[in-house]
């Protein structure tokens, strides 16, 4: 039996939509909310039938006070991200 590999899945939400990154690469997006069937289809296409452990992270960058423009989009939704660049807050302040 093959050893389970680790796959990092990150979901990013912004005022532009939701984006799914697999191992740091932007692989799927939706202007509204990602559908579970679509997200699983993309994940299966990415990992195939191999057993894996999914490391899941999420961030919400929604800020309706900031004007939407192309430069904001390029910064918020890059083609690739690094896991160490994802920050999460635990326990509030």
N, C-alpha and C. Protein backbone atom coordinates (compact mmCIF):
# COMPACT_ATOMS: atom_id res chain seq x y z
N UNK A 1 0.85 -1.18 0.00
CA UNK A 1 0.00 0.00 0.00
C UNK A 1 0.89 1.24 0.00
N UNK A 2 0.57 2.20 -0.82
CA UNK A 2 1.36 3.42 -0.93
C UNK A 2 1.22 4.27 0.32
N UNK A 3 2.32 4.94 0.66
CA UNK A 3 2.30 5.84 1.81
C UNK A 3 1.50 7.09 1.44
N UNK A 4 0.71 7.58 2.37
CA UNK A 4 -0.11 8.76 2.12
C UNK A 4 0.77 10.00 2.00
N UNK A 5 0.56 10.74 0.92
CA UNK A 5 1.29 11.99 0.76
C UNK A 5 0.47 13.12 1.39
N UNK A 6 1.12 14.23 1.66
CA UNK A 6 0.46 15.38 2.24
C UNK A 6 0.13 16.38 1.15
N UNK A 7 -1.10 16.88 1.16
CA UNK A 7 -1.55 17.88 0.18
C UNK A 7 -2.08 19.07 0.96
N UNK A 8 -1.58 20.25 0.62
CA UNK A 8 -2.05 21.47 1.27
C UNK A 8 -3.13 22.10 0.41
N UNK A 9 -4.32 22.28 0.99
CA UNK A 9 -5.44 22.92 0.31
C UNK A 9 -5.76 24.20 1.07
N UNK A 10 -5.77 25.31 0.34
CA UNK A 10 -6.06 26.60 0.95
C UNK A 10 -7.21 27.25 0.20
N UNK A 11 -8.21 27.73 0.94
CA UNK A 11 -9.34 28.45 0.35
C UNK A 11 -9.21 29.92 0.77
N UNK A 12 -9.22 30.79 -0.22
CA UNK A 12 -9.13 32.24 0.03
C UNK A 12 -10.42 32.89 -0.43
N UNK A 13 -11.02 33.68 0.45
CA UNK A 13 -12.23 34.42 0.13
C UNK A 13 -11.90 35.90 0.09
N UNK A 14 -12.40 36.58 -0.91
CA UNK A 14 -12.26 38.03 -1.00
C UNK A 14 -13.52 38.57 -1.65
N UNK A 15 -13.60 39.88 -1.78
CA UNK A 15 -14.77 40.45 -2.44
C UNK A 15 -14.84 40.08 -3.92
N UNK A 16 -13.78 39.49 -4.44
CA UNK A 16 -13.74 39.06 -5.84
C UNK A 16 -14.26 37.64 -6.04
N UNK A 17 -14.43 36.87 -4.96
CA UNK A 17 -14.89 35.50 -5.05
C UNK A 17 -14.12 34.60 -4.11
N UNK A 18 -14.15 33.30 -4.38
CA UNK A 18 -13.38 32.33 -3.60
C UNK A 18 -12.41 31.61 -4.52
N UNK A 19 -11.26 31.24 -3.95
CA UNK A 19 -10.17 30.67 -4.72
C UNK A 19 -9.62 29.47 -3.98
N UNK A 20 -9.32 28.43 -4.72
CA UNK A 20 -8.79 27.20 -4.15
C UNK A 20 -7.36 27.02 -4.64
N UNK A 21 -6.45 26.91 -3.68
CA UNK A 21 -5.05 26.65 -3.97
C UNK A 21 -4.74 25.22 -3.52
N UNK A 22 -4.00 24.49 -4.33
CA UNK A 22 -3.54 23.16 -3.96
C UNK A 22 -2.02 23.19 -4.05
N UNK A 23 -1.39 22.91 -2.90
CA UNK A 23 0.07 22.99 -2.78
C UNK A 23 0.60 24.33 -3.29
N UNK A 24 -0.15 25.39 -2.98
CA UNK A 24 0.29 26.75 -3.29
C UNK A 24 -0.09 27.28 -4.65
N UNK A 25 -0.65 26.44 -5.51
CA UNK A 25 -1.00 26.87 -6.87
C UNK A 25 -2.50 27.12 -6.97
N UNK A 26 -2.87 28.27 -7.52
CA UNK A 26 -4.29 28.61 -7.71
C UNK A 26 -4.85 27.70 -8.80
N UNK A 27 -5.77 26.79 -8.39
CA UNK A 27 -6.28 25.80 -9.33
C UNK A 27 -7.76 25.96 -9.66
N UNK A 28 -8.48 26.78 -8.89
CA UNK A 28 -9.91 26.90 -9.13
C UNK A 28 -10.41 28.19 -8.51
N UNK A 29 -11.37 28.82 -9.17
CA UNK A 29 -11.97 30.02 -8.61
C UNK A 29 -13.44 30.10 -8.99
N UNK A 30 -14.17 30.85 -8.20
CA UNK A 30 -15.58 31.10 -8.47
C UNK A 30 -15.88 32.52 -8.04
N UNK A 31 -16.68 33.22 -8.84
CA UNK A 31 -17.01 34.61 -8.53
C UNK A 31 -17.84 34.74 -7.25
N UNK A 32 -18.44 33.68 -6.80
CA UNK A 32 -19.27 33.72 -5.60
C UNK A 32 -18.66 32.80 -4.55
N UNK A 33 -19.23 31.64 -4.36
CA UNK A 33 -18.73 30.67 -3.40
C UNK A 33 -18.38 29.38 -4.13
N UNK A 34 -17.31 28.74 -3.70
CA UNK A 34 -16.93 27.46 -4.29
C UNK A 34 -17.99 26.43 -3.96
N UNK A 35 -18.36 25.65 -4.93
CA UNK A 35 -19.28 24.55 -4.68
C UNK A 35 -18.50 23.34 -4.24
N UNK A 36 -19.01 22.61 -3.28
CA UNK A 36 -18.33 21.42 -2.77
C UNK A 36 -18.06 20.41 -3.88
N UNK A 37 -19.03 20.10 -4.74
CA UNK A 37 -18.74 19.13 -5.80
C UNK A 37 -17.60 19.59 -6.72
N UNK A 38 -17.58 20.88 -7.06
CA UNK A 38 -16.51 21.39 -7.91
C UNK A 38 -15.16 21.33 -7.20
N UNK A 39 -15.13 21.70 -5.93
CA UNK A 39 -13.88 21.67 -5.17
C UNK A 39 -13.34 20.24 -5.09
N UNK A 40 -14.21 19.27 -4.82
CA UNK A 40 -13.76 17.87 -4.75
C UNK A 40 -13.33 17.35 -6.11
N UNK A 41 -14.00 17.77 -7.18
CA UNK A 41 -13.61 17.35 -8.52
C UNK A 41 -12.20 17.85 -8.84
N UNK A 42 -11.92 19.12 -8.52
CA UNK A 42 -10.60 19.68 -8.77
C UNK A 42 -9.55 18.97 -7.91
N UNK A 43 -9.88 18.70 -6.67
CA UNK A 43 -8.94 18.02 -5.78
C UNK A 43 -8.65 16.61 -6.30
N UNK A 44 -9.67 15.90 -6.74
CA UNK A 44 -9.45 14.55 -7.29
C UNK A 44 -8.59 14.60 -8.55
N UNK A 45 -8.82 15.59 -9.40
CA UNK A 45 -8.00 15.75 -10.61
C UNK A 45 -6.54 16.01 -10.23
N UNK A 46 -6.34 16.71 -9.12
CA UNK A 46 -4.98 17.08 -8.69
C UNK A 46 -4.25 15.92 -8.04
N UNK A 47 -4.94 15.18 -7.15
CA UNK A 47 -4.24 14.13 -6.39
C UNK A 47 -4.46 12.74 -6.96
N UNK A 48 -5.43 12.59 -7.85
CA UNK A 48 -5.70 11.26 -8.42
C UNK A 48 -6.31 10.33 -7.39
N UNK A 49 -5.97 9.06 -7.49
CA UNK A 49 -6.52 8.05 -6.59
C UNK A 49 -5.56 7.70 -5.45
N UNK A 50 -4.48 8.45 -5.32
CA UNK A 50 -3.51 8.17 -4.28
C UNK A 50 -4.03 8.59 -2.91
N UNK A 51 -3.74 7.80 -1.88
CA UNK A 51 -4.13 8.22 -0.53
C UNK A 51 -3.34 9.46 -0.14
N UNK A 52 -4.00 10.36 0.57
CA UNK A 52 -3.29 11.57 1.00
C UNK A 52 -3.89 12.10 2.29
N UNK A 53 -3.10 12.90 2.96
CA UNK A 53 -3.53 13.63 4.15
C UNK A 53 -3.69 15.07 3.70
N UNK A 54 -4.87 15.65 3.94
CA UNK A 54 -5.12 17.02 3.50
C UNK A 54 -4.89 17.96 4.66
N UNK A 55 -3.98 18.91 4.44
CA UNK A 55 -3.73 20.01 5.38
C UNK A 55 -4.53 21.19 4.86
N UNK A 56 -5.60 21.56 5.55
CA UNK A 56 -6.53 22.57 5.07
C UNK A 56 -6.33 23.89 5.82
N UNK A 57 -6.22 24.98 5.06
CA UNK A 57 -6.19 26.32 5.66
C UNK A 57 -7.17 27.20 4.91
N UNK A 58 -7.53 28.32 5.54
CA UNK A 58 -8.55 29.21 4.99
C UNK A 58 -8.24 30.62 5.43
N UNK A 59 -8.43 31.59 4.54
CA UNK A 59 -8.40 32.97 4.97
C UNK A 59 -9.48 33.77 4.27
N UNK A 60 -9.95 34.81 4.94
CA UNK A 60 -11.01 35.66 4.42
C UNK A 60 -10.45 37.07 4.35
N UNK A 61 -10.27 37.56 3.14
CA UNK A 61 -9.69 38.88 2.93
C UNK A 61 -10.74 39.89 2.49
N UNK A 62 -12.01 39.59 2.79
CA UNK A 62 -13.09 40.48 2.38
C UNK A 62 -12.97 41.81 3.11
N UNK A 63 -12.96 42.88 2.32
CA UNK A 63 -12.89 44.23 2.88
C UNK A 63 -13.68 45.14 1.96
N UNK A 64 -14.96 45.29 2.26
CA UNK A 64 -15.81 46.08 1.38
C UNK A 64 -15.55 47.58 1.50
N UNK A 65 -14.70 47.99 2.43
CA UNK A 65 -14.37 49.41 2.56
C UNK A 65 -13.29 49.82 1.58
N UNK A 66 -12.53 48.88 1.10
CA UNK A 66 -11.45 49.18 0.15
C UNK A 66 -12.04 49.17 -1.25
N UNK A 67 -11.74 50.18 -2.07
CA UNK A 67 -12.26 50.16 -3.43
C UNK A 67 -11.69 48.99 -4.23
N UNK A 68 -12.52 48.37 -5.05
CA UNK A 68 -12.08 47.25 -5.85
C UNK A 68 -11.41 47.77 -7.13
N UNK A 69 -10.21 47.32 -7.39
CA UNK A 69 -9.54 47.64 -8.64
C UNK A 69 -8.57 46.52 -8.99
N UNK A 70 -8.03 46.58 -10.18
CA UNK A 70 -7.18 45.50 -10.68
C UNK A 70 -5.94 45.28 -9.83
N UNK A 71 -5.34 46.34 -9.29
CA UNK A 71 -4.13 46.15 -8.49
C UNK A 71 -4.44 45.42 -7.18
N UNK A 72 -5.60 45.67 -6.58
CA UNK A 72 -6.00 44.92 -5.38
C UNK A 72 -6.13 43.45 -5.70
N UNK A 73 -6.74 43.14 -6.83
CA UNK A 73 -6.96 41.75 -7.22
C UNK A 73 -5.63 41.01 -7.38
N UNK A 74 -4.68 41.64 -8.05
CA UNK A 74 -3.38 40.99 -8.29
C UNK A 74 -2.65 40.70 -6.99
N UNK A 75 -2.80 41.56 -6.00
CA UNK A 75 -2.14 41.35 -4.71
C UNK A 75 -2.87 40.30 -3.90
N UNK A 76 -4.19 40.36 -3.87
CA UNK A 76 -4.97 39.44 -3.05
C UNK A 76 -5.04 38.02 -3.61
N UNK A 77 -5.04 37.90 -4.93
CA UNK A 77 -5.25 36.60 -5.57
C UNK A 77 -4.10 36.29 -6.52
N UNK A 78 -2.93 35.99 -5.98
CA UNK A 78 -1.81 35.65 -6.86
C UNK A 78 -1.98 34.25 -7.45
N UNK A 79 -1.17 33.95 -8.45
CA UNK A 79 -1.21 32.62 -9.07
C UNK A 79 -0.67 31.54 -8.13
N UNK A 80 0.22 31.95 -7.21
CA UNK A 80 0.81 30.99 -6.27
C UNK A 80 1.01 31.67 -4.92
N UNK A 81 0.90 30.88 -3.86
CA UNK A 81 1.11 31.37 -2.49
C UNK A 81 2.03 30.40 -1.77
N UNK A 82 2.59 30.86 -0.65
CA UNK A 82 3.42 30.01 0.20
C UNK A 82 2.70 29.81 1.52
N UNK A 83 2.80 28.61 2.04
CA UNK A 83 2.12 28.28 3.28
C UNK A 83 2.58 29.19 4.43
N UNK A 84 3.87 29.51 4.47
CA UNK A 84 4.38 30.34 5.56
C UNK A 84 3.88 31.79 5.49
N UNK A 85 3.32 32.19 4.34
CA UNK A 85 2.78 33.53 4.20
C UNK A 85 1.33 33.63 4.67
N UNK A 86 0.70 32.51 4.93
CA UNK A 86 -0.68 32.49 5.41
C UNK A 86 -0.66 32.72 6.91
N UNK A 87 -1.36 33.75 7.35
CA UNK A 87 -1.43 34.03 8.77
C UNK A 87 -2.82 33.72 9.28
N UNK A 88 -2.88 33.17 10.46
CA UNK A 88 -4.17 32.89 11.08
C UNK A 88 -4.14 33.47 12.48
N UNK A 89 -5.28 33.99 12.88
CA UNK A 89 -5.42 34.54 14.23
C UNK A 89 -6.14 33.51 15.07
N UNK A 90 -5.66 33.31 16.28
CA UNK A 90 -6.27 32.36 17.18
C UNK A 90 -6.69 33.11 18.44
N UNK A 91 -7.94 32.97 18.82
CA UNK A 91 -8.40 33.52 20.07
C UNK A 91 -8.64 35.03 20.10
N UNK A 92 -8.84 35.68 18.98
CA UNK A 92 -9.19 37.10 19.00
C UNK A 92 -8.01 38.02 19.02
N UNK A 93 -8.08 39.01 19.94
CA UNK A 93 -7.09 40.09 19.96
C UNK A 93 -5.70 39.61 20.21
